[in-house]
C-alpha atoms as a PDB file:
ATOM      1  CA  MET A   1     135.486 -45.248-118.600  1.00  0.00           C
ATOM      2  CA  THR A   2     137.536 -42.986-120.835  1.00  0.00           C
ATOM      3  CA  ILE A   3     141.159 -44.105-120.926  1.00  0.00           C
ATOM      4  CA  THR A   4     143.848 -41.565-120.151  1.00  0.00           C
ATOM      5  CA  ILE A   5     147.045 -41.823-122.165  1.00  0.00           C
ATOM      6  CA  CYS A   6     150.175 -40.008-121.012  1.00  0.00           C
ATOM      7  CA  ILE A   7     153.028 -39.327-123.415  1.00  0.00           C
ATOM      8  CA  CYS A   8     156.413 -38.546-121.890  1.00  0.00           C
ATOM      9  CA  GLY A   9     158.624 -36.534-124.218  1.00  0.00           C
ATOM     10  CA  ALA A  10     157.183 -33.671-126.285  1.00  0.00           C
ATOM     11  CA  GLY A  11     159.523 -33.812-129.264  1.00  0.00           C
ATOM     12  CA  THR A  12     158.343 -34.481-132.806  1.00  0.00           C
ATOM     13  CA  MET A  13     157.311 -38.062-132.087  1.00  0.00           C
ATOM     14  CA  GLY A  14     155.780 -37.449-128.667  1.00  0.00           C
ATOM     15  CA  SER A  15     153.717 -34.465-129.797  1.00  0.00           C
ATOM     16  CA  GLY A  16     152.524 -36.445-132.831  1.00  0.00           C
ATOM     17  CA  ILE A  17     151.385 -39.343-130.636  1.00  0.00           C
ATOM     18  CA  ALA A  18     149.625 -36.902-128.288  1.00  0.00           C
ATOM     19  CA  GLN A  19     147.766 -35.371-131.222  1.00  0.00           C
ATOM     20  CA  VAL A  20     146.617 -38.793-132.422  1.00  0.00           C
ATOM     21  CA  ALA A  21     145.483 -39.810-128.934  1.00  0.00           C
ATOM     22  CA  ALA A  22     143.496 -36.598-128.433  1.00  0.00           C
ATOM     23  CA  GLN A  23     141.888 -36.763-131.875  1.00  0.00           C
ATOM     24  CA  SER A  24     140.892 -40.366-131.126  1.00  0.00           C
ATOM     25  CA  GLY A  25     138.949 -39.396-128.012  1.00  0.00           C
ATOM     26  CA  PHE A  26     141.457 -40.250-125.295  1.00  0.00           C
ATOM     27  CA  ASN A  27     142.149 -37.949-122.377  1.00  0.00           C
ATOM     28  CA  THR A  28     145.764 -37.027-123.098  1.00  0.00           C
ATOM     29  CA  ILE A  29     148.676 -35.809-120.994  1.00  0.00           C
ATOM     30  CA  LEU A  30     151.829 -34.550-122.708  1.00  0.00           C
ATOM     31  CA  PHE A  31     154.814 -34.253-120.374  1.00  0.00           C
ATOM     32  CA  ASP A  32     158.266 -32.795-120.893  1.00  0.00           C
ATOM     33  CA  ILE A  33     160.727 -31.343-118.389  1.00  0.00           C
ATOM     34  CA  ASN A  34     161.625 -28.611-120.895  1.00  0.00           C
ATOM     35  CA  SER A  35     158.935 -25.915-121.000  1.00  0.00           C
ATOM     36  CA  SER A  36     160.142 -24.514-124.340  1.00  0.00           C
ATOM     37  CA  VAL A  37     159.916 -27.971-125.953  1.00  0.00           C
ATOM     38  CA  LEU A  38     156.423 -28.311-124.510  1.00  0.00           C
ATOM     39  CA  GLU A  39     155.369 -24.933-125.889  1.00  0.00           C
ATOM     40  CA  SER A  40     156.782 -25.849-129.299  1.00  0.00           C
ATOM     41  CA  ALA A  41     154.760 -29.074-129.167  1.00  0.00           C
ATOM     42  CA  ARG A  42     151.609 -27.110-128.343  1.00  0.00           C
ATOM     43  CA  GLN A  43     152.192 -24.894-131.397  1.00  0.00           C
ATOM     44  CA  ASN A  44     153.017 -27.818-133.700  1.00  0.00           C
ATOM     45  CA  ILE A  45     149.845 -29.658-132.691  1.00  0.00           C
ATOM     46  CA  ALA A  46     147.793 -26.503-133.291  1.00  0.00           C
ATOM     47  CA  ASN A  47     149.402 -26.057-136.723  1.00  0.00           C
ATOM     48  CA  ASN A  48     148.757 -29.684-137.653  1.00  0.00           C
ATOM     49  CA  LEU A  49     145.111 -29.423-136.617  1.00  0.00           C
ATOM     50  CA  ASP A  50     144.735 -26.157-138.535  1.00  0.00           C
ATOM     51  CA  TYR A  51     146.090 -27.911-141.606  1.00  0.00           C
ATOM     52  CA  LEU A  52     143.492 -30.671-141.200  1.00  0.00           C
ATOM     53  CA  VAL A  53     140.737 -28.068-140.833  1.00  0.00           C
ATOM     54  CA  ASN A  54     141.906 -26.265-143.985  1.00  0.00           C
ATOM     55  CA  LYS A  55     141.934 -29.574-145.854  1.00  0.00           C
ATOM     56  CA  LYS A  56     138.407 -30.264-144.533  1.00  0.00           C
ATOM     57  CA  LYS A  57     139.624 -33.462-142.854  1.00  0.00           C
ATOM     58  CA  ILE A  58     138.189 -32.267-139.536  1.00  0.00           C
ATOM     59  CA  SER A  59     135.912 -29.415-138.528  1.00  0.00           C
ATOM     60  CA  ALA A  60     136.919 -26.371-136.488  1.00  0.00           C
ATOM     61  CA  ALA A  61     134.757 -27.732-133.670  1.00  0.00           C
ATOM     62  CA  GLU A  62     136.607 -31.074-133.758  1.00  0.00           C
ATOM     63  CA  LYS A  63     139.893 -29.199-133.555  1.00  0.00           C
ATOM     64  CA  LEU A  64     138.751 -27.392-130.409  1.00  0.00           C
ATOM     65  CA  VAL A  65     137.572 -30.641-128.809  1.00  0.00           C
ATOM     66  CA  ALA A  66     140.867 -32.404-129.577  1.00  0.00           C
ATOM     67  CA  THR A  67     142.924 -29.501-128.256  1.00  0.00           C
ATOM     68  CA  GLY A  68     140.845 -29.441-125.086  1.00  0.00           C
ATOM     69  CA  ARG A  69     141.670 -33.089-124.398  1.00  0.00           C
ATOM     70  CA  ILE A  70     145.415 -32.414-124.055  1.00  0.00           C
ATOM     71  CA  LYS A  71     146.987 -31.408-120.766  1.00  0.00           C
ATOM     72  CA  PHE A  72     150.499 -29.995-121.209  1.00  0.00           C
ATOM     73  CA  THR A  73     152.713 -30.333-118.143  1.00  0.00           C
ATOM     74  CA  THR A  74     156.310 -30.102-116.933  1.00  0.00           C
ATOM     75  CA  SER A  75     155.470 -31.936-113.687  1.00  0.00           C
ATOM     76  CA  ILE A  76     156.061 -35.685-113.698  1.00  0.00           C
ATOM     77  CA  SER A  77     153.589 -36.073-110.833  1.00  0.00           C
ATOM     78  CA  ASP A  78     150.839 -35.254-113.357  1.00  0.00           C
ATOM     79  CA  CYS A  79     151.728 -38.374-115.337  1.00  0.00           C
ATOM     80  CA  VAL A  80     149.042 -40.671-113.943  1.00  0.00           C
ATOM     81  CA  ALA A  81     147.280 -42.734-116.584  1.00  0.00           C
ATOM     82  CA  GLN A  82     146.123 -46.184-117.658  1.00  0.00           C
ATOM     83  CA  VAL A  83     148.672 -46.125-120.482  1.00  0.00           C
ATOM     84  CA  ILE A  84     151.999 -44.283-120.485  1.00  0.00           C
ATOM     85  CA  ILE A  85     154.004 -44.021-123.701  1.00  0.00           C
ATOM     86  CA  GLU A  86     157.588 -42.822-123.410  1.00  0.00           C
ATOM     87  CA  ALA A  87     159.031 -41.012-126.403  1.00  0.00           C
ATOM     88  CA  ILE A  88     162.248 -39.716-124.875  1.00  0.00           C
ATOM     89  CA  ALA A  89     165.873 -40.084-126.017  1.00  0.00           C
ATOM     90  CA  GLU A  90     166.930 -43.481-127.368  1.00  0.00           C
ATOM     91  CA  ASN A  91     168.849 -44.356-124.215  1.00  0.00           C
ATOM     92  CA  GLU A  92     168.162 -47.487-122.192  1.00  0.00           C
ATOM     93  CA  LEU A  93     169.184 -46.049-118.807  1.00  0.00           C
ATOM     94  CA  ALA A  94     167.006 -42.961-119.331  1.00  0.00           C
ATOM     95  CA  LYS A  95     163.971 -45.044-120.283  1.00  0.00           C
ATOM     96  CA  VAL A  96     164.413 -47.427-117.347  1.00  0.00           C
ATOM     97  CA  SER A  97     164.851 -44.509-114.931  1.00  0.00           C
ATOM     98  CA  LEU A  98     161.694 -42.816-116.230  1.00  0.00           C
ATOM     99  CA  PHE A  99     159.584 -45.975-116.022  1.00  0.00           C
ATOM    100  CA  ASN A 100     160.756 -46.678-112.474  1.00  0.00           C
ATOM    101  CA  GLN A 101     159.872 -43.126-111.453  1.00  0.00           C
ATOM    102  CA  LEU A 102     156.421 -43.448-112.992  1.00  0.00           C
ATOM    103  CA  ALA A 103     155.848 -46.864-111.398  1.00  0.00           C
ATOM    104  CA  GLU A 104     156.201 -45.348-107.933  1.00  0.00           C
ATOM    105  CA  PHE A 105     152.945 -43.368-108.116  1.00  0.00           C
ATOM    106  CA  ASN A 106     150.926 -45.035-110.900  1.00  0.00           C
ATOM    107  CA  TYR A 107     148.500 -47.927-110.766  1.00  0.00           C
ATOM    108  CA  GLU A 108     149.941 -51.439-110.550  1.00  0.00           C
ATOM    109  CA  ASP A 109     148.257 -52.281-113.846  1.00  0.00           C
ATOM    110  CA  THR A 110     149.332 -49.106-115.693  1.00  0.00           C
ATOM    111  CA  ILE A 111     150.768 -50.130-119.065  1.00  0.00           C
ATOM    112  CA  LEU A 112     154.273 -48.794-119.688  1.00  0.00           C
ATOM    113  CA  ALA A 113     154.871 -48.593-123.436  1.00  0.00           C
ATOM    114  CA  SER A 114     158.183 -47.647-125.023  1.00  0.00           C
ATOM    115  CA  ASN A 115     158.350 -45.998-128.421  1.00  0.00           C
ATOM    116  CA  THR A 116     161.920 -47.253-128.849  1.00  0.00           C
ATOM    117  CA  SER A 117     162.865 -48.085-132.416  1.00  0.00           C
ATOM    118  CA  SER A 118     165.769 -50.390-131.605  1.00  0.00           C
ATOM    119  CA  LEU A 119     166.314 -51.025-127.878  1.00  0.00           C
ATOM    120  CA  SER A 120     165.376 -54.377-126.368  1.00  0.00           C
ATOM    121  CA  ILE A 121     162.002 -54.381-124.612  1.00  0.00           C
ATOM    122  CA  THR A 122     163.056 -57.495-122.693  1.00  0.00           C
ATOM    123  CA  THR A 123     166.179 -55.794-121.352  1.00  0.00           C
ATOM    124  CA  ILE A 124     164.165 -52.738-120.314  1.00  0.00           C
ATOM    125  CA  GLN A 125     161.342 -54.655-118.643  1.00  0.00           C
ATOM    126  CA  LYS A 126     163.685 -56.822-116.575  1.00  0.00           C
ATOM    127  CA  GLN A 127     164.723 -53.641-114.755  1.00  0.00           C
ATOM    128  CA  ILE A 128     161.142 -52.499-113.991  1.00  0.00           C
ATOM    129  CA  ARG A 129     158.760 -53.472-111.197  1.00  0.00           C
ATOM    130  CA  PHE A 130     155.893 -55.526-112.664  1.00  0.00           C
ATOM    131  CA  PRO A 131     157.810 -56.249-115.915  1.00  0.00           C
ATOM    132  CA  GLN A 132     154.773 -57.944-117.447  1.00  0.00           C
ATOM    133  CA  ARG A 133     153.175 -54.540-118.040  1.00  0.00           C
ATOM    134  CA  VAL A 134     156.074 -53.225-120.190  1.00  0.00           C
ATOM    135  CA  ILE A 135     155.659 -53.368-123.962  1.00  0.00           C
ATOM    136  CA  GLY A 136     156.953 -51.732-127.130  1.00  0.00           C
ATOM    137  CA  MET A 137     154.659 -49.370-129.027  1.00  0.00           C
ATOM    138  CA  HIS A 138     156.760 -48.184-131.959  1.00  0.00           C
ATOM    139  CA  PHE A 139     155.107 -45.388-133.945  1.00  0.00           C
ATOM    140  CA  PHE A 140     156.546 -44.027-137.179  1.00  0.00           C
ATOM    141  CA  ASN A 141     157.191 -40.402-138.059  1.00  0.00           C
ATOM    142  CA  PRO A 142     155.047 -38.380-138.522  1.00  0.00           C
ATOM    143  CA  ALA A 143     152.935 -40.230-135.961  1.00  0.00           C
ATOM    144  CA  TYR A 144     149.742 -38.336-136.773  1.00  0.00           C
ATOM    145  CA  ILE A 145     149.916 -39.538-140.393  1.00  0.00           C
ATOM    146  CA  MET A 146     151.728 -42.891-140.516  1.00  0.00           C
ATOM    147  CA  LYS A 147     149.373 -45.821-139.925  1.00  0.00           C
ATOM    148  CA  LEU A 148     151.734 -48.564-138.777  1.00  0.00           C
ATOM    149  CA  VAL A 149     152.534 -49.265-135.119  1.00  0.00           C
ATOM    150  CA  GLU A 150     154.791 -52.156-134.123  1.00  0.00           C
ATOM    151  CA  VAL A 151     153.503 -53.731-130.896  1.00  0.00           C
ATOM    152  CA  VAL A 152     156.581 -55.418-129.430  1.00  0.00           C
ATOM    153  CA  GLN A 153     156.232 -58.164-126.836  1.00  0.00           C
ATOM    154  CA  GLY A 154     159.192 -58.682-124.530  1.00  0.00           C
ATOM    155  CA  GLU A 155     159.835 -62.089-122.994  1.00  0.00           C
ATOM    156  CA  LEU A 156     157.852 -61.110-119.890  1.00  0.00           C
ATOM    157  CA  THR A 157     155.048 -59.081-121.480  1.00  0.00           C
ATOM    158  CA  ASP A 158     151.540 -60.227-120.532  1.00  0.00           C
ATOM    159  CA  PRO A 159     149.718 -61.304-123.738  1.00  0.00           C
ATOM    160  CA  GLY A 160     146.617 -59.510-122.470  1.00  0.00           C
ATOM    161  CA  ILE A 161     148.527 -56.233-122.448  1.00  0.00           C
ATOM    162  CA  ALA A 162     149.624 -56.820-126.033  1.00  0.00           C
ATOM    163  CA  ARG A 163     145.980 -57.284-127.009  1.00  0.00           C
ATOM    164  CA  ALA A 164     144.946 -54.158-125.101  1.00  0.00           C
ATOM    165  CA  ILE A 165     147.614 -52.051-126.836  1.00  0.00           C
ATOM    166  CA  SER A 166     146.619 -53.442-130.226  1.00  0.00           C
ATOM    167  CA  ASP A 167     143.014 -52.448-129.510  1.00  0.00           C
ATOM    168  CA  ILE A 168     144.130 -48.928-128.555  1.00  0.00           C
ATOM    169  CA  CYS A 169     146.078 -48.684-131.818  1.00  0.00           C
ATOM    170  CA  VAL A 170     142.942 -49.606-133.756  1.00  0.00           C
ATOM    171  CA  ASP A 171     140.971 -46.991-131.805  1.00  0.00           C
ATOM    172  CA  MET A 172     143.624 -44.479-132.892  1.00  0.00           C
ATOM    173  CA  GLY A 173     143.073 -45.431-136.522  1.00  0.00           C
ATOM    174  CA  LYS A 174     146.412 -47.232-136.673  1.00  0.00           C
ATOM    175  CA  VAL A 175     147.380 -50.645-138.028  1.00  0.00           C
ATOM    176  CA  PRO A 176     149.055 -52.649-135.228  1.00  0.00           C
ATOM    177  CA  VAL A 177     151.495 -55.424-136.097  1.00  0.00           C
ATOM    178  CA  THR A 178     152.523 -57.595-133.156  1.00  0.00           C
ATOM    179  CA  CYS A 179     156.033 -59.017-133.072  1.00  0.00           C
ATOM    180  CA  LYS A 180     158.445 -60.571-130.609  1.00  0.00           C
ATOM    181  CA  ASP A 181     161.326 -58.580-129.211  1.00  0.00           C
ATOM    182  CA  ALA A 182     164.290 -58.865-131.575  1.00  0.00           C
ATOM    183  CA  PRO A 183     166.974 -56.455-132.859  1.00  0.00           C
ATOM    184  CA  GLY A 184     165.299 -53.858-135.073  1.00  0.00           C
ATOM    185  CA  PHE A 185     161.913 -55.544-134.583  1.00  0.00           C
ATOM    186  CA  ILE A 186     160.495 -55.911-138.123  1.00  0.00           C
ATOM    187  CA  VAL A 187     160.638 -52.585-139.933  1.00  0.00           C
ATOM    188  CA  ASN A 188     164.073 -51.343-138.927  1.00  0.00           C
ATOM    189  CA  ARG A 189     165.647 -54.734-139.521  1.00  0.00           C
ATOM    190  CA  VAL A 190     164.186 -55.060-143.008  1.00  0.00           C
ATOM    191  CA  ALA A 191     164.545 -51.376-143.960  1.00  0.00           C
ATOM    192  CA  ARG A 192     168.130 -51.002-142.740  1.00  0.00           C
ATOM    193  CA  HIS A 193     169.515 -52.053-146.107  1.00  0.00           C
ATOM    194  CA  TYR A 194     167.277 -49.587-147.922  1.00  0.00           C
ATOM    195  CA  TYR A 195     169.482 -46.969-146.249  1.00  0.00           C
ATOM    196  CA  LEU A 196     172.820 -48.767-145.983  1.00  0.00           C
ATOM    197  CA  GLU A 197     173.001 -50.039-149.574  1.00  0.00           C
ATOM    198  CA  SER A 198     171.916 -46.634-150.868  1.00  0.00           C
ATOM    199  CA  LEU A 199     174.586 -44.924-148.767  1.00  0.00           C
ATOM    200  CA  LYS A 200     177.227 -47.390-150.000  1.00  0.00           C
ATOM    201  CA  THR A 201     176.174 -46.775-153.609  1.00  0.00           C
ATOM    202  CA  ALA A 202     176.628 -43.022-153.104  1.00  0.00           C
ATOM    203  CA  GLU A 203     179.923 -43.477-151.207  1.00  0.00           C
ATOM    204  CA  ASP A 204     181.334 -45.588-154.050  1.00  0.00           C
ATOM    205  CA  GLY A 205     180.444 -42.871-156.560  1.00  0.00           C
ATOM    206  CA  ILE A 206     178.121 -45.131-158.521  1.00  0.00           C
ATOM    207  CA  ALA A 207     175.286 -42.598-158.412  1.00  0.00           C
ATOM    208  CA  SER A 208     174.422 -39.364-156.623  1.00  0.00           C
ATOM    209  CA  PHE A 209     172.036 -39.430-153.692  1.00  0.00           C
ATOM    210  CA  GLN A 210     169.600 -37.331-155.757  1.00  0.00           C
ATOM    211  CA  ASP A 211     169.607 -39.890-158.568  1.00  0.00           C
ATOM    212  CA  ILE A 212     169.225 -42.799-156.119  1.00  0.00           C
ATOM    213  CA  ASP A 213     166.208 -41.091-154.554  1.00  0.00           C
ATOM    214  CA  ALA A 214     164.699 -40.378-157.966  1.00  0.00           C
ATOM    215  CA  LEU A 215     165.227 -43.961-159.146  1.00  0.00           C
ATOM    216  CA  LEU A 216     163.674 -45.573-156.079  1.00  0.00           C
ATOM    217  CA  GLU A 217     160.740 -43.168-156.061  1.00  0.00           C
ATOM    218  CA  ALA A 218     160.162 -43.949-159.734  1.00  0.00           C
ATOM    219  CA  SER A 219     160.220 -47.644-158.786  1.00  0.00           C
ATOM    220  CA  GLY A 220     157.268 -47.171-156.435  1.00  0.00           C
ATOM    221  CA  PHE A 221     158.747 -46.073-153.106  1.00  0.00           C
ATOM    222  CA  LYS A 222     156.940 -43.025-151.722  1.00  0.00           C
ATOM    223  CA  MET A 223     160.194 -41.473-150.536  1.00  0.00           C
ATOM    224  CA  GLY A 224     163.802 -42.105-151.483  1.00  0.00           C
ATOM    225  CA  PRO A 225     166.239 -43.237-148.758  1.00  0.00           C
ATOM    226  CA  PHE A 226     168.094 -39.915-148.502  1.00  0.00           C
ATOM    227  CA  LYS A 227     164.904 -37.862-148.227  1.00  0.00           C
ATOM    228  CA  LEU A 228     163.648 -40.356-145.653  1.00  0.00           C
ATOM    229  CA  MET A 229     166.837 -40.135-143.583  1.00  0.00           C
ATOM    230  CA  ASP A 230     166.496 -36.336-143.622  1.00  0.00           C
ATOM    231  CA  LEU A 231     162.907 -36.663-142.398  1.00  0.00           C
ATOM    232  CA  ILE A 232     163.681 -39.181-139.646  1.00  0.00           C
ATOM    233  CA  GLY A 233     166.796 -37.359-138.479  1.00  0.00           C
ATOM    234  CA  MET A 234     170.337 -38.418-139.337  1.00  0.00           C
ATOM    235  CA  ASP A 235     171.282 -38.935-135.691  1.00  0.00           C
ATOM    236  CA  ILE A 236     168.284 -41.171-135.008  1.00  0.00           C
ATOM    237  CA  ASN A 237     168.787 -43.197-138.170  1.00  0.00           C
ATOM    238  CA  LEU A 238     172.490 -43.662-137.425  1.00  0.00           C
ATOM    239  CA  SER A 239     171.723 -44.667-133.836  1.00  0.00           C
ATOM    240  CA  VAL A 240     169.457 -47.458-135.082  1.00  0.00           C
ATOM    241  CA  SER A 241     172.155 -48.657-137.509  1.00  0.00           C
ATOM    242  CA  GLU A 242     174.740 -48.712-134.726  1.00  0.00           C
ATOM    243  CA  SER A 243     172.351 -50.558-132.428  1.00  0.00           C
ATOM    244  CA  LEU A 244     171.662 -53.258-135.006  1.00  0.00           C
ATOM    245  CA  TYR A 245     175.354 -53.545-135.884  1.00  0.00           C
ATOM    246  CA  LYS A 246     176.110 -54.248-132.235  1.00  0.00           C
ATOM    247  CA  ALA A 247     173.103 -56.568-131.760  1.00  0.00           C
ATOM    248  CA  PHE A 248     174.166 -58.697-134.733  1.00  0.00           C
ATOM    249  CA  ASP A 249     177.754 -59.069-133.440  1.00  0.00           C
ATOM    250  CA  GLU A 250     179.127 -56.482-135.872  1.00  0.00           C
ATOM    251  CA  THR A 251     178.218 -58.461-138.945  1.00  0.00           C
ATOM    252  CA  LYS A 252     179.329 -56.573-142.050  1.00  0.00           C
ATOM    253  CA  ARG A 253     175.885 -56.225-143.601  1.00  0.00           C
ATOM    254  CA  PHE A 254     174.841 -53.887-140.744  1.00  0.00           C
ATOM    255  CA  LEU A 255     178.025 -51.776-140.767  1.00  0.00           C
ATOM    256  CA  PRO A 256     177.021 -48.086-140.325  1.00  0.00           C
ATOM    257  CA  SER A 257     177.898 -45.694-143.131  1.00  0.00           C
ATOM    258  CA  LYS A 258     180.908 -43.361-142.972  1.00  0.00           C
ATOM    259  CA  LEU A 259     178.942 -40.824-144.993  1.00  0.00           C
ATOM    260  CA  GLN A 260     176.124 -40.754-142.462  1.00  0.00           C
ATOM    261  CA  ARG A 261     178.564 -40.474-139.558  1.00  0.00           C
ATOM    262  CA  GLN A 262     180.146 -37.450-141.252  1.00  0.00           C
ATOM    263  CA  LYS A 263     176.738 -35.813-141.550  1.00  0.00           C
ATOM    264  CA  VAL A 264     176.055 -36.343-137.848  1.00  0.00           C
ATOM    265  CA  ARG A 265     179.481 -34.961-136.846  1.00  0.00           C
ATOM    266  CA  LYS A 266     178.767 -31.821-138.886  1.00  0.00           C
ATOM    267  CA  GLY A 267     175.351 -31.420-137.282  1.00  0.00           C
ATOM    268  CA  GLU A 268     173.661 -31.926-140.646  1.00  0.00           C
ATOM    269  CA  LEU A 269     170.785 -33.945-139.233  1.00  0.00           C
ATOM    270  CA  GLY A 270     168.150 -33.341-141.880  1.00  0.00           C
ATOM    271  CA  LYS A 271     164.980 -31.268-141.717  1.00  0.00           C
ATOM    272  CA  LYS A 272     165.241 -30.566-137.998  1.00  0.00           C
ATOM    273  CA  SER A 273     168.648 -28.898-138.388  1.00  0.00           C
ATOM    274  CA  GLY A 274     167.904 -27.214-141.715  1.00  0.00           C
ATOM    275  CA  ARG A 275     170.391 -29.315-143.661  1.00  0.00           C
ATOM    276  CA  GLY A 276     171.046 -32.982-144.278  1.00  0.00           C
ATOM    277  CA  PHE A 277     171.455 -34.493-147.710  1.00  0.00           C
ATOM    278  CA  TYR A 278     169.185 -31.675-148.851  1.00  0.00           C
ATOM    279  CA  ASP A 279     168.907 -28.054-147.713  1.00  0.00           C
ATOM    280  CA  TYR A 280     165.769 -26.911-145.859  1.00  0.00           C
ATOM    281  CA  GLU A 281     166.756 -23.363-144.886  1.00  0.00           C
END
């Protein structure tokens, strides 16, 4: 039986996950309540697939097959699948509300996976019927390129579901890393200081953000911290910092940056807004 995967939220992350699922042979549903966001996702997926065709990574026929596997919908009643991945706003109440809605008309064994980068899977699943089927499935941006997926087990997650999600990740060509639910999981906890120490260095006037990026890239990092924050989105990156700061009882080493907060207040969110630390207009 071909597995159907439904992705809720058609933003950059959700559309990227949908593309990966479709290219990997899964029947795919991409849901968003906003029709313009959904149409933008359709165009972005088409552009990404065209790029792969031009680079001879896939054939034109493979592009058509992948596109044909995706159902775009603004109706939540269409979201019936063996696996549902939410990629909506980083808000616990919104995620819980969505999962509870979906649980009303889905199968009892439907896996509910959250793409959260910092919220507690355990806290979310304790508010959902059949909490054992809730798990974290944290992709990285851009999802159709980045290989890593953190598979996050909450306290109540069935180990069999963790294995099933890991297998799906492998089928998608991803590298799953299973971890227990903890603030920041693995990547965001470890990487937080890549951003925070770089921001502090720039704030203190020790070096410019351009020079910090250049230095770290010359040291072997594929992308400097300021370029990476622009790619991720300043608001998202700051939200993760604030979440970890709170989760670790406001310990100083996780204190969010004033510089980053200023950027968010100005609406300078990075590539998606046209300006962040760098200009993209």
